[in-house]
């Protein structure tokens, strides 16, 4: 009996760690939006934001509060989805069209790990205080001013600076 328990214990410990964490998603569907806008209806007549695996990855990254806000987003204007050539895709959209520079999100999808990370910018109205946050694993981390890199030529700059390898 001791030998059986000794052999089963490592597997049970690993199972416990995996079961307790958020399940990774198969984000290879994001590849189909490369060069297209996230609002384009590419799969099942739905935009990127309405794909179940995308929503699950975003919910896991953002937590319930920010995920709910993202679902109410204007999603206009947007930029075409791009990739880094290594399975990381980036989608950018406005949260509020009337104040896009102060209210937007950049979502980084890692198709290999199935995880997402989000750079979230929100403001207190036009001309109001702007706050940038890094959303990952359901938690929000404040970033320095302009941390989300609006206007940057490299769409992956904030991921490289603030993101975590999965």
Protein backbone atom coordinates (compact mmCIF):
# COMPACT_ATOMS: atom_id res chain seq x y z
CA UNK A 1 0.00 0.00 0.00
CA UNK A 2 2.84 2.41 0.87
CA UNK A 3 4.42 1.74 -2.53
CA UNK A 4 1.12 2.48 -4.31
CA UNK A 5 0.68 5.76 -2.41
CA UNK A 6 4.31 6.70 -3.08
CA UNK A 7 3.75 6.19 -6.83
CA UNK A 8 0.44 8.09 -6.91
CA UNK A 9 1.48 11.07 -4.79
CA UNK A 10 3.51 12.99 -7.43
CA UNK A 11 0.69 12.69 -9.96
CA UNK A 12 -1.89 13.83 -7.44
CA UNK A 13 0.21 16.87 -6.53
CA UNK A 14 0.65 17.84 -10.18
CA UNK A 15 -3.07 17.31 -10.84
CA UNK A 16 -3.90 19.56 -7.88
CA UNK A 17 -1.73 22.38 -9.20
CA UNK A 18 -3.19 22.13 -12.68
CA UNK A 19 -6.78 21.86 -11.50
CA UNK A 20 -6.47 24.94 -9.28
CA UNK A 21 -5.16 27.25 -12.02
CA UNK A 22 -7.04 28.84 -14.90
CA UNK A 23 -7.23 26.55 -17.89
CA UNK A 24 -5.27 27.67 -20.93
CA UNK A 25 -7.25 28.20 -24.14
CA UNK A 26 -6.51 27.09 -27.69
CA UNK A 27 -5.92 30.55 -29.11
CA UNK A 28 -4.85 29.44 -32.59
CA UNK A 29 -8.16 30.88 -33.85
CA UNK A 30 -6.68 34.37 -33.40
CA UNK A 31 -4.36 33.63 -36.37
CA UNK A 32 -7.37 33.91 -38.66
CA UNK A 33 -7.68 37.63 -37.81
CA UNK A 34 -4.08 38.46 -38.78
CA UNK A 35 -4.29 41.56 -40.99
CA UNK A 36 -8.01 41.91 -40.28
CA UNK A 37 -9.83 44.06 -37.76
CA UNK A 38 -11.04 42.37 -34.53
CA UNK A 39 -14.63 43.38 -35.37
CA UNK A 40 -14.47 41.50 -38.69
CA UNK A 41 -16.73 38.45 -38.57
CA UNK A 42 -14.25 35.73 -39.53
CA UNK A 43 -15.46 32.61 -37.67
CA UNK A 44 -19.11 31.63 -37.16
CA UNK A 45 -20.21 35.13 -38.22
CA UNK A 46 -18.73 36.55 -34.99
CA UNK A 47 -15.95 39.07 -34.35
CA UNK A 48 -12.76 38.16 -32.51
CA UNK A 49 -14.11 39.60 -29.27
CA UNK A 50 -17.10 37.20 -29.35
CA UNK A 51 -15.12 33.98 -29.84
CA UNK A 52 -15.59 31.77 -26.74
CA UNK A 53 -11.89 30.84 -26.41
CA UNK A 54 -10.89 34.50 -26.74
CA UNK A 55 -13.40 35.55 -24.09
CA UNK A 56 -12.22 32.80 -21.72
CA UNK A 57 -8.57 33.84 -22.11
CA UNK A 58 -9.45 37.51 -21.64
CA UNK A 59 -11.59 36.76 -18.55
CA UNK A 60 -8.71 34.78 -17.02
CA UNK A 61 -6.26 37.62 -17.72
CA UNK A 62 -8.49 40.57 -16.81
CA UNK A 63 -10.58 39.31 -13.93
CA UNK A 64 -14.35 39.77 -13.86
CA UNK A 65 -14.42 43.55 -13.35
CA UNK A 66 -12.28 44.52 -16.34
CA UNK A 67 -13.62 41.72 -18.51
CA UNK A 68 -17.17 43.02 -17.97
CA UNK A 69 -16.02 46.52 -18.93
CA UNK A 70 -14.35 45.15 -22.07
CA UNK A 71 -17.64 43.57 -23.13
CA UNK A 72 -19.30 47.00 -23.05
CA UNK A 73 -16.48 48.57 -25.10
CA UNK A 74 -17.23 50.55 -28.25
CA UNK A 75 -14.61 48.58 -30.23
CA UNK A 76 -14.19 51.45 -32.63
CA UNK A 77 -11.78 52.46 -33.97
CA UNK A 78 -9.50 49.47 -34.02
CA UNK A 79 -6.23 48.41 -35.61
CA UNK A 80 -5.68 45.20 -37.61
CA UNK A 81 -4.45 42.19 -35.64
CA UNK A 82 -0.74 41.61 -36.05
CA UNK A 83 1.76 39.04 -34.82
CA UNK A 84 5.41 38.79 -33.86
CA UNK A 85 6.08 35.71 -36.01
CA UNK A 86 6.38 33.53 -32.90
CA UNK A 87 2.73 32.90 -32.05
CA UNK A 88 2.03 36.12 -30.13
CA UNK A 89 -0.84 38.17 -31.56
CA UNK A 90 -1.88 41.67 -30.61
CA UNK A 91 -5.34 43.23 -30.97
CA UNK A 92 -5.99 46.88 -30.16
CA UNK A 93 -9.34 48.60 -29.73
CA UNK A 94 -10.98 51.64 -28.18
CA UNK A 95 -13.08 51.27 -25.09
CA UNK A 96 -14.81 54.61 -25.66
CA UNK A 97 -14.87 56.02 -29.17
CA UNK A 98 -15.34 59.61 -27.99
CA UNK A 99 -12.06 59.48 -26.00
CA UNK A 100 -10.07 56.70 -27.61
CA UNK A 101 -6.62 58.00 -26.63
CA UNK A 102 -7.65 57.89 -22.97
CA UNK A 103 -9.72 54.69 -23.11
CA UNK A 104 -8.35 51.69 -24.98
CA UNK A 105 -7.04 48.20 -24.55
CA UNK A 106 -4.28 46.18 -26.16
CA UNK A 107 -4.73 42.42 -25.84
CA UNK A 108 -1.78 40.09 -26.31
CA UNK A 109 -2.70 36.50 -27.18
CA UNK A 110 -0.10 33.76 -26.82
CA UNK A 111 -1.28 30.96 -29.10
CA UNK A 112 1.31 28.51 -27.72
CA UNK A 113 0.43 28.88 -24.03
CA UNK A 114 -3.24 29.77 -24.57
CA UNK A 115 -2.99 32.80 -22.30
CA UNK A 116 -3.73 36.48 -22.75
CA UNK A 117 -2.38 39.65 -21.14
CA UNK A 118 -3.93 43.10 -21.45
CA UNK A 119 -2.66 46.66 -21.31
CA UNK A 120 -5.72 48.68 -20.21
CA UNK A 121 -5.93 52.46 -20.39
CA UNK A 122 -8.82 54.36 -18.86
CA UNK A 123 -9.43 57.98 -18.04
CA UNK A 124 -11.76 60.13 -16.02
CA UNK A 125 -13.25 61.71 -19.13
CA UNK A 126 -11.71 63.86 -21.83
CA UNK A 127 -8.72 65.66 -20.36
CA UNK A 128 -9.06 63.76 -17.08
CA UNK A 129 -6.55 61.62 -15.22
CA UNK A 130 -5.37 58.64 -17.29
CA UNK A 131 -4.45 55.33 -15.64
CA UNK A 132 -2.64 52.48 -17.37
CA UNK A 133 -2.90 48.97 -15.92
CA UNK A 134 -1.37 45.61 -16.78
CA UNK A 135 -3.98 42.85 -16.48
CA UNK A 136 -2.71 39.30 -16.16
CA UNK A 137 -3.85 36.21 -14.27
CA UNK A 138 -6.92 38.07 -13.02
CA UNK A 139 -4.97 40.84 -11.32
CA UNK A 140 -4.36 44.51 -12.17
CA UNK A 141 -0.95 46.11 -11.80
CA UNK A 142 -0.59 49.92 -12.14
CA UNK A 143 1.84 51.07 -14.83
CA UNK A 144 3.75 54.32 -15.17
CA UNK A 145 2.17 57.08 -17.24
CA UNK A 146 1.92 56.08 -20.92
CA UNK A 147 2.74 52.49 -19.98
CA UNK A 148 0.33 51.16 -22.57
CA UNK A 149 2.28 52.93 -25.26
CA UNK A 150 -0.43 54.65 -27.25
CA UNK A 151 1.20 55.86 -30.47
CA UNK A 152 4.20 53.56 -30.19
CA UNK A 153 5.54 52.19 -33.44
CA UNK A 154 6.09 48.76 -31.87
CA UNK A 155 2.76 47.18 -30.85
CA UNK A 156 4.65 44.70 -28.66
CA UNK A 157 6.58 47.33 -26.65
CA UNK A 158 4.36 47.20 -23.55
CA UNK A 159 4.33 43.39 -23.59
CA UNK A 160 8.13 43.32 -23.69
CA UNK A 161 8.40 45.91 -20.94
CA UNK A 162 5.63 44.84 -18.55
CA UNK A 163 4.41 41.38 -19.61
CA UNK A 164 5.37 38.03 -18.29
CA UNK A 165 6.49 34.98 -20.20
CA UNK A 166 3.97 32.18 -19.99
